């Protein structure tokens, strides 16, 4: 009977222990354990065995939890490192993009500067060629006239480097007019000097080989009135053409007088009337006509103060700048009518 009780107790203790500590079953089974003969003692022994094993289980749990927390911390650290690396990469990308943008901007600026320089050079070359073309337009040309025209010839000497003045010649003299152009040559005559002596204007034109004459008259002629001056003007042009059959003409309008300097028939009203008549004759005969007078006239119809040098009819350097531009514009229209 006792033997049956002990076997039953042993089995019961084994089942209890296996249910409480399944993790240690293998250890219990593998170790030799002598069950006490007293059941109460067996239960006490089993409880003592369980108590002895519990601290190790809690330690394992703590260590496992710590390991998991360490793993999580390590993962968080790795994530943070990855985020930091990504942020650094983004910053570097921004810096690279900014540098690339700066380089592109610098390259674009350099290209634009080069293009602007090239455009400026091309423009300068175009302007130089245009000026040369204008200058060449006045090749074999002569400007004929009185003391106001003589002032322009002096201006041309001071600006001899300008293309127009490298070709345009002058036959001018103080007090020269369409009337005294027919006077016999003498010590009292007013013919322009050419090759060291006074000559009739038509002869001087022939000697220099001019093909185009720009004429400026009127201020020393209007004492005879508008009609007589216009008639004498035409007679002079006809005489020049007799000696120079290939000559062509361009009439330069008679410039006005300074306010208060008018004398009898020599006045601004007659000057305007003469210019109107000569413009009509130019259109009828196929001559050119350049209106410089209107460019030098003030609101009162007189020679503007800034263009008058002597409160009479003679003109300043500023006026002759206007003359030069008017002649160059005239040449430009002949050379480039499309513009």
Protein backbone atom coordinates (compact mmCIF):
# COMPACT_ATOMS: atom_id res chain seq x y z
CA UNK A 1 0.00 0.00 0.00
CA UNK A 2 2.75 2.40 0.84
CA UNK A 3 4.51 1.68 -2.36
CA UNK A 4 1.40 2.61 -4.36
CA UNK A 5 1.02 5.88 -2.43
CA UNK A 6 4.64 6.83 -3.10
CA UNK A 7 4.35 6.10 -6.81
CA UNK A 8 1.14 8.16 -6.99
CA UNK A 9 2.78 11.07 -5.13
CA UNK A 10 5.82 10.96 -7.32
CA UNK A 11 3.71 11.14 -10.42
CA UNK A 12 1.65 13.96 -8.94
CA UNK A 13 4.77 15.96 -8.03
CA UNK A 14 6.22 15.44 -11.47
CA UNK A 15 3.03 16.70 -13.14
CA UNK A 16 2.90 19.73 -10.82
CA UNK A 17 6.47 20.63 -11.43
CA UNK A 18 6.08 20.16 -15.19
CA UNK A 19 3.03 22.46 -15.22
CA UNK A 20 4.71 25.19 -13.19
CA UNK A 21 8.15 25.22 -14.84
CA UNK A 22 7.85 23.82 -18.37
CA UNK A 23 11.10 25.54 -19.33
CA UNK A 24 12.99 23.38 -16.90
CA UNK A 25 11.35 20.04 -17.61
CA UNK A 26 14.28 18.73 -19.53
CA UNK A 27 16.61 19.65 -16.66
CA UNK A 28 14.40 17.96 -14.11
CA UNK A 29 14.04 14.87 -16.20
CA UNK A 30 17.72 14.70 -16.97
CA UNK A 31 18.75 15.06 -13.30
CA UNK A 32 18.35 12.31 -10.77
CA UNK A 33 15.75 13.33 -8.22
CA UNK A 34 14.79 11.17 -5.32
CA UNK A 35 11.27 11.89 -4.24
CA UNK A 36 10.87 12.10 -0.45
CA UNK A 37 8.87 9.36 1.10
CA UNK A 38 6.59 11.89 2.85
CA UNK A 39 4.13 13.55 0.39
CA UNK A 40 4.16 16.79 2.34
CA UNK A 41 7.87 16.79 2.21
CA UNK A 42 7.70 16.12 -1.52
CA UNK A 43 5.42 19.10 -2.07
CA UNK A 44 7.68 21.29 0.02
CA UNK A 45 10.69 20.11 -1.92
CA UNK A 46 8.92 20.82 -5.23
CA UNK A 47 8.00 24.32 -4.06
CA UNK A 48 11.56 24.93 -2.97
CA UNK A 49 12.80 23.78 -6.40
CA UNK A 50 10.35 26.14 -8.11
CA UNK A 51 11.40 29.06 -5.92
CA UNK A 52 15.01 28.28 -6.66
CA UNK A 53 14.40 28.39 -10.40
CA UNK A 54 12.18 31.57 -10.57
CA UNK A 55 14.95 34.21 -10.10
CA UNK A 56 16.81 32.89 -13.13
CA UNK A 57 13.63 33.17 -15.25
CA UNK A 58 13.08 36.80 -14.20
CA UNK A 59 16.69 37.57 -14.99
CA UNK A 60 16.30 36.07 -18.40
CA UNK A 61 13.22 38.20 -19.01
CA UNK A 62 15.03 41.33 -17.83
CA UNK A 63 18.01 40.56 -19.98
CA UNK A 64 15.78 39.87 -22.96
CA UNK A 65 13.91 43.13 -22.40
CA UNK A 66 17.20 45.00 -22.03
CA UNK A 67 18.46 43.39 -25.20
CA UNK A 68 15.29 44.40 -27.01
CA UNK A 69 15.58 47.94 -25.68
CA UNK A 70 19.25 48.03 -26.68
CA UNK A 71 18.31 46.78 -30.11
CA UNK A 72 15.62 49.44 -30.37
CA UNK A 73 18.07 52.10 -29.19
CA UNK A 74 20.64 50.92 -31.70
CA UNK A 75 18.00 50.93 -34.43
CA UNK A 76 16.96 54.46 -33.39
CA UNK A 77 20.59 55.53 -33.45
CA UNK A 78 21.04 54.02 -36.89
CA UNK A 79 17.85 55.73 -38.06
CA UNK A 80 19.07 59.03 -36.66
CA UNK A 81 22.43 58.54 -38.38
CA UNK A 82 20.65 57.77 -41.64
CA UNK A 83 18.46 60.86 -41.24
CA UNK A 84 21.53 62.98 -40.46
CA UNK A 85 23.30 61.57 -43.51
CA UNK A 86 20.25 62.26 -45.63
CA UNK A 87 20.07 65.82 -44.27
CA UNK A 88 23.78 66.32 -44.97
CA UNK A 89 23.28 64.93 -48.47
CA UNK A 90 20.37 67.35 -49.00
CA UNK A 91 22.51 70.26 -47.82
CA UNK A 92 25.32 69.17 -50.10
CA UNK A 93 22.87 68.83 -52.97
CA UNK A 94 21.59 72.35 -52.29
CA UNK A 95 25.15 73.68 -52.16
CA UNK A 96 25.98 71.87 -55.40
CA UNK A 97 22.83 73.23 -57.03
CA UNK A 98 23.66 76.76 -55.84
CA UNK A 99 27.23 76.42 -57.11
CA UNK A 100 26.00 75.06 -60.42
CA UNK A 101 23.51 77.93 -60.67
CA UNK A 102 26.28 80.43 -59.93
CA UNK A 103 28.50 78.84 -62.55
CA UNK A 104 25.70 78.89 -65.11
CA UNK A 105 24.90 82.50 -64.24
CA UNK A 106 28.56 83.43 -64.59
CA UNK A 107 28.79 81.59 -67.90
CA UNK A 108 25.61 83.27 -69.13
CA UNK A 109 26.89 86.67 -68.04
CA UNK A 110 30.18 86.02 -69.81
CA UNK A 111 28.31 84.95 -72.96
CA UNK A 112 26.09 88.03 -72.79
CA UNK A 113 29.11 90.28 -72.26
CA UNK A 114 30.85 88.66 -75.21
CA UNK A 115 27.75 89.02 -77.34
CA UNK A 116 27.38 92.66 -76.30
CA UNK A 117 31.03 93.28 -77.11
CA UNK A 118 30.62 91.57 -80.45
CA UNK A 119 27.47 93.58 -81.15
CA UNK A 120 29.29 96.79 -80.22
CA UNK A 121 32.16 95.89 -82.54
CA UNK A 122 29.76 95.07 -85.35
CA UNK A 123 27.89 98.31 -84.74
CA UNK A 124 31.15 100.25 -84.73
CA UNK A 125 32.18 98.56 -87.96
CA UNK A 126 28.77 99.30 -89.48
CA UNK A 127 28.98 102.92 -88.40
CA UNK A 128 32.52 103.21 -89.72
CA UNK A 129 31.48 101.71 -93.04
CA UNK A 130 28.44 103.97 -93.18
CA UNK A 131 30.61 107.02 -92.50
CA UNK A 132 33.06 105.88 -95.17
CA UNK A 133 30.18 105.43 -97.64
CA UNK A 134 28.92 108.91 -96.79
CA UNK A 135 32.39 110.32 -97.23
CA UNK A 136 32.81 108.59 -100.57
CA UNK A 137 29.48 110.04 -101.70
CA UNK A 138 31.15 113.49 -101.70
CA UNK A 139 34.07 112.35 -103.79
CA UNK A 140 34.54 114.73 -106.76
CA UNK A 141 32.16 117.20 -105.10
CA UNK A 142 32.69 120.91 -104.41
CA UNK A 143 30.78 123.37 -102.25
CA UNK A 144 30.59 126.85 -103.81
CA UNK A 145 29.49 129.95 -101.93
CA UNK A 146 29.97 133.17 -99.99
CA UNK A 147 31.44 134.07 -96.57
CA UNK A 148 28.91 131.88 -94.68
CA UNK A 149 30.01 128.93 -96.83
CA UNK A 150 33.61 130.01 -96.24
CA UNK A 151 32.95 129.59 -92.52
CA UNK A 152 31.87 126.01 -93.22
CA UNK A 153 35.09 125.38 -95.15
CA UNK A 154 37.08 126.59 -92.12
CA UNK A 155 35.04 124.23 -89.94
CA UNK A 156 35.90 121.42 -92.38
CA UNK A 157 39.62 122.14 -91.98
CA UNK A 158 39.26 121.79 -88.20
CA UNK A 159 37.48 118.47 -88.70
CA UNK A 160 39.56 117.14 -91.56
CA UNK A 161 39.52 113.59 -90.17
CA UNK A 162 35.80 113.26 -90.77
CA UNK A 163 35.12 111.17 -93.92
CA UNK A 164 32.91 113.81 -95.53
CA UNK A 165 35.69 116.39 -95.36
CA UNK A 166 38.27 114.01 -96.76
CA UNK A 167 36.48 114.28 -100.11
CA UNK A 168 34.36 117.45 -100.23
CA UNK A 169 36.24 120.43 -101.71
CA UNK A 170 35.45 124.14 -101.37
CA UNK A 171 35.39 127.18 -103.67
CA UNK A 172 34.28 129.96 -101.32
CA UNK A 173 35.07 133.64 -100.79
CA UNK A 174 33.81 136.57 -98.74
CA UNK A 175 31.18 138.68 -100.57
CA UNK A 176 30.96 136.13 -103.40
CA UNK A 177 27.53 136.04 -105.07
CA UNK A 178 25.69 134.91 -108.19
CA UNK A 179 25.96 138.49 -109.45
CA UNK A 180 29.66 139.14 -108.98
CA UNK A 181 30.51 135.62 -110.22
CA UNK A 182 30.31 137.20 -113.70
CA UNK A 183 32.62 140.12 -112.86
CA UNK A 184 35.92 140.39 -114.70
CA UNK A 185 38.84 139.13 -112.70
CA UNK A 186 40.75 141.97 -111.06
CA UNK A 187 42.14 143.07 -107.75
CA UNK A 188 38.62 144.14 -106.82
CA UNK A 189 36.80 141.00 -107.92
CA UNK A 190 35.54 138.41 -105.39
CA UNK A 191 36.19 135.13 -107.19
CA UNK A 192 37.39 132.22 -105.00
CA UNK A 193 41.10 131.51 -105.26
CA UNK A 194 42.08 128.16 -106.74
CA UNK A 195 45.66 127.03 -107.43
CA UNK A 196 46.92 130.35 -106.11
CA UNK A 197 44.80 132.81 -108.07
CA UNK A 198 41.28 134.07 -108.69
CA UNK A 199 39.43 132.22 -111.43
CA UNK A 200 35.92 132.11 -112.77
CA UNK A 201 34.04 129.51 -110.79
CA UNK A 202 33.27 127.38 -113.85
CA UNK A 203 36.96 127.23 -114.73
CA UNK A 204 38.00 126.25 -111.22
CA UNK A 205 35.38 123.48 -111.19
CA UNK A 206 36.76 122.14 -114.46
CA UNK A 207 40.34 122.23 -113.21
CA UNK A 208 39.53 120.27 -110.06
CA UNK A 209 37.41 117.76 -111.99
CA UNK A 210 34.33 118.13 -109.80
CA UNK A 211 31.22 116.24 -110.85
CA UNK A 212 28.79 117.65 -108.30
CA UNK A 213 28.43 121.25 -107.09
CA UNK A 214 26.68 122.24 -103.82
CA UNK A 215 25.82 125.93 -104.12
CA UNK A 216 25.07 128.43 -101.35
CA UNK A 217 24.12 131.98 -102.42
CA UNK A 218 21.66 134.77 -101.70
CA UNK A 219 22.89 136.85 -98.79
CA UNK A 220 24.96 139.07 -101.10
CA UNK A 221 22.36 139.05 -103.87
CA UNK A 222 18.97 139.92 -102.44
CA UNK A 223 19.66 143.66 -102.61
CA UNK A 224 18.44 143.16 -106.23
CA UNK A 225 15.24 141.42 -105.10
CA UNK A 226 14.03 137.83 -105.11
CA UNK A 227 13.18 137.53 -108.80
CA UNK A 228 16.43 139.00 -110.06
CA UNK A 229 18.47 136.87 -107.65
CA UNK A 230 16.69 133.65 -108.69
CA UNK A 231 17.19 134.50 -112.38
CA UNK A 232 20.89 135.24 -111.88
CA UNK A 233 21.26 132.05 -109.85
CA UNK A 234 19.95 130.00 -112.80
CA UNK A 235 22.25 131.84 -115.24
CA UNK A 236 25.28 130.94 -113.12
CA UNK A 237 24.31 127.26 -113.01
CA UNK A 238 23.83 127.26 -116.76
CA UNK A 239 27.25 128.83 -117.30
CA UNK A 240 28.93 126.27 -115.06
CA UNK A 241 27.23 123.47 -117.02
CA UNK A 242 28.41 124.91 -120.34
CA UNK A 243 32.00 124.39 -119.22
CA UNK A 244 31.28 121.24 -117.22
CA UNK A 245 28.59 119.27 -119.08
CA UNK A 246 28.52 116.40 -116.61
CA UNK A 247 28.09 118.56 -113.52
CA UNK A 248 25.17 117.93 -111.17
CA UNK A 249 23.73 120.41 -108.70
CA UNK A 250 22.40 120.50 -105.17
CA UNK A 251 21.07 123.83 -103.89
CA UNK A 252 21.67 124.66 -100.23
CA UNK A 253 18.98 126.95 -98.84
CA UNK A 254 20.00 130.50 -97.87
CA UNK A 255 20.23 130.73 -94.08
CA UNK A 256 18.36 133.49 -92.16
CA UNK A 257 19.60 136.72 -90.62
CA UNK A 258 19.87 137.55 -86.94
CA UNK A 259 16.92 139.42 -85.45
CA UNK A 260 17.18 143.18 -86.05
CA UNK A 261 19.99 142.95 -88.64
CA UNK A 262 17.81 143.09 -91.76
CA UNK A 263 18.57 145.76 -94.38
CA UNK A 264 16.01 146.76 -97.02
CA UNK A 265 15.63 143.88 -99.51
CA UNK A 266 18.07 141.78 -97.52
CA UNK A 267 15.60 140.48 -94.98
CA UNK A 268 14.25 137.17 -93.71
CA UNK A 269 11.00 137.42 -95.64
CA UNK A 270 12.91 137.65 -98.93
CA UNK A 271 15.26 134.87 -97.82
CA UNK A 272 12.28 132.58 -97.26
CA UNK A 273 10.81 133.59 -100.62
CA UNK A 274 14.12 132.90 -102.40
CA UNK A 275 14.38 129.48 -100.76
CA UNK A 276 10.86 128.61 -101.88
CA UNK A 277 11.68 129.67 -105.44
CA UNK A 278 14.96 127.74 -105.55
CA UNK A 279 13.30 124.60 -104.12
CA UNK A 280 10.75 124.80 -106.93
CA UNK A 281 13.46 125.26 -109.57
CA UNK A 282 15.39 122.33 -108.11
CA UNK A 283 12.34 120.09 -108.41
CA UNK A 284 11.74 121.24 -111.98
CA UNK A 285 15.32 120.75 -113.13
CA UNK A 286 16.21 117.58 -111.25
CA UNK A 287 18.61 119.31 -108.86
CA UNK A 288 19.01 118.32 -105.26
CA UNK A 289 17.90 120.64 -102.47
CA UNK A 290 19.07 120.71 -98.84
CA UNK A 291 17.07 122.83 -96.40
CA UNK A 292 19.57 123.96 -93.79
CA UNK A 293 17.81 127.30 -93.17
CA UNK A 294 14.86 125.83 -91.26
CA UNK A 295 17.27 123.94 -88.99
CA UNK A 296 18.90 127.20 -87.85
CA UNK A 297 15.74 129.31 -87.53
CA UNK A 298 14.19 130.23 -84.18
CA UNK A 299 10.50 130.69 -83.36
CA UNK A 300 10.62 134.26 -84.70
CA UNK A 301 11.87 133.11 -88.10
CA UNK A 302 15.34 134.56 -87.57
CA UNK A 303 18.80 133.05 -87.14
CA UNK A 304 18.83 131.45 -83.68
CA UNK A 305 21.15 133.11 -81.18
CA UNK A 306 23.24 129.98 -80.57
CA UNK A 307 23.96 129.76 -84.29
CA UNK A 308 24.93 133.38 -84.92
CA UNK A 309 28.50 134.57 -84.38
CA UNK A 310 28.15 138.30 -85.10
CA UNK A 311 24.50 139.36 -84.65
CA UNK A 312 24.25 139.44 -88.45
CA UNK A 313 24.41 136.46 -90.85
CA UNK A 314 27.62 134.64 -89.98
CA UNK A 315 27.46 131.45 -88.01
CA UNK A 316 28.99 129.53 -85.12
CA UNK A 317 30.63 126.13 -84.96
CA UNK A 318 27.35 124.77 -83.55
CA UNK A 319 25.61 125.89 -86.73
CA UNK A 320 28.18 124.13 -88.89
CA UNK A 321 27.61 120.92 -86.97
CA UNK A 322 24.05 121.23 -88.28
CA UNK A 323 25.40 121.82 -91.79
CA UNK A 324 27.53 118.69 -91.59
CA UNK A 325 24.68 116.52 -90.37
CA UNK A 326 22.33 117.90 -93.02
CA UNK A 327 24.80 117.04 -95.76
CA UNK A 328 25.43 113.56 -94.32
CA UNK A 329 21.69 112.91 -94.02
CA UNK A 330 21.22 114.02 -97.61
CA UNK A 331 23.94 111.63 -98.74
CA UNK A 332 22.39 108.83 -96.66
CA UNK A 333 19.02 109.27 -98.36
CA UNK A 334 20.67 109.15 -101.78
CA UNK A 335 22.70 106.05 -100.91
CA UNK A 336 20.07 104.23 -98.87
CA UNK A 337 16.65 105.43 -100.06
CA UNK A 338 14.96 102.44 -98.39
CA UNK A 339 15.86 103.94 -95.00
